[in-house]
Protein backbone atom coordinates (compact mmCIF):
# COMPACT_ATOMS: atom_id res chain seq x y z
CA UNK A 1 -18.90 -33.06 -8.14
CA UNK A 2 -18.42 -29.32 -8.55
CA UNK A 3 -21.18 -26.99 -7.47
CA UNK A 4 -22.09 -24.26 -9.96
CA UNK A 5 -22.11 -20.71 -8.57
CA UNK A 6 -25.45 -19.01 -8.12
CA UNK A 7 -25.21 -16.10 -10.54
CA UNK A 8 -28.15 -14.20 -9.06
CA UNK A 9 -26.55 -14.20 -5.60
CA UNK A 10 -23.23 -13.22 -7.15
CA UNK A 11 -24.80 -10.25 -8.95
CA UNK A 12 -26.62 -9.20 -5.76
CA UNK A 13 -23.32 -9.29 -3.85
CA UNK A 14 -21.51 -7.16 -6.44
CA UNK A 15 -24.44 -4.74 -6.66
CA UNK A 16 -24.37 -4.32 -2.89
CA UNK A 17 -20.62 -3.77 -2.93
CA UNK A 18 -20.88 -1.18 -5.74
CA UNK A 19 -23.79 0.58 -4.00
CA UNK A 20 -21.83 0.77 -0.77
CA UNK A 21 -18.82 2.21 -2.58
CA UNK A 22 -20.88 4.78 -4.45
CA UNK A 23 -22.70 5.79 -1.26
CA UNK A 24 -19.37 6.32 0.50
CA UNK A 25 -18.19 8.39 -2.47
CA UNK A 26 -21.40 10.40 -2.08
CA UNK A 27 -20.13 11.58 1.29
CA UNK A 28 -17.00 13.01 -0.32
CA UNK A 29 -18.70 15.25 -2.86
CA UNK A 30 -21.77 16.72 -1.28
CA UNK A 31 -23.22 20.14 -0.84
CA UNK A 32 -24.07 21.14 2.72
CA UNK A 33 -27.41 19.55 3.56
CA UNK A 34 -27.35 16.76 0.98
CA UNK A 35 -26.67 13.85 3.33
CA UNK A 36 -26.52 15.74 6.61
CA UNK A 37 -29.25 17.36 8.62
CA UNK A 38 -28.23 20.99 9.09
CA UNK A 39 -30.68 21.54 11.96
CA UNK A 40 -29.49 18.52 13.96
CA UNK A 41 -25.86 18.57 12.83
CA UNK A 42 -25.76 14.82 12.10
CA UNK A 43 -26.21 12.40 9.25
CA UNK A 44 -29.65 12.15 7.65
CA UNK A 45 -29.86 8.35 7.52
CA UNK A 46 -33.06 8.32 5.48
CA UNK A 47 -31.28 10.19 2.68
CA UNK A 48 -28.27 7.88 2.93
CA UNK A 49 -30.49 4.77 2.72
CA UNK A 50 -32.36 6.25 -0.24
CA UNK A 51 -29.04 6.91 -2.00
CA UNK A 52 -27.79 3.38 -1.21
CA UNK A 53 -30.95 1.68 -2.47
CA UNK A 54 -30.94 3.86 -5.57
CA UNK A 55 -27.38 2.80 -6.41
CA UNK A 56 -28.21 -0.82 -5.56
CA UNK A 57 -31.21 -0.95 -7.89
CA UNK A 58 -29.30 0.84 -10.65
CA UNK A 59 -26.30 -1.48 -10.47
CA UNK A 60 -28.48 -4.60 -10.31
CA UNK A 61 -30.40 -3.52 -13.41
CA UNK A 62 -27.14 -2.87 -15.25
CA UNK A 63 -25.79 -6.31 -14.25
CA UNK A 64 -28.97 -8.10 -15.31
CA UNK A 65 -29.00 -6.32 -18.68
CA UNK A 66 -25.32 -7.15 -19.15
CA UNK A 67 -25.95 -10.80 -18.31
CA UNK A 68 -28.84 -11.00 -20.76
CA UNK A 69 -26.73 -9.39 -23.49
CA UNK A 70 -23.93 -11.86 -22.81
CA UNK A 71 -26.28 -14.85 -22.96
CA UNK A 72 -27.89 -13.54 -26.14
CA UNK A 73 -24.60 -12.90 -27.89
CA UNK A 74 -23.17 -16.30 -26.92
CA UNK A 75 -26.25 -18.01 -28.32
CA UNK A 76 -26.03 -16.03 -31.55
CA UNK A 77 -22.35 -16.93 -31.98
CA UNK A 78 -23.11 -20.62 -31.49
CA UNK A 79 -25.48 -20.63 -34.44
CA UNK A 80 -28.53 -22.79 -35.09
CA UNK A 81 -28.60 -26.30 -33.68
CA UNK A 82 -28.97 -29.07 -36.13
């Protein structure tokens, strides 16, 4: 018996991976003071977490909308039952 994959957990995993990648890219292209604290000279972790969660929520919304569009289009292609 094959176990079906949990699509919600799969989308959460990919959203987390995309958010992590986009947060790391955020460190490459930043103005002074965007993700660093100029007074302390270190990383402003609250800004980094805010950026990560922003990317996470955005990518999860995009994946859920894409999944709903895929389900809707596959049901439309199948036609009416009967």
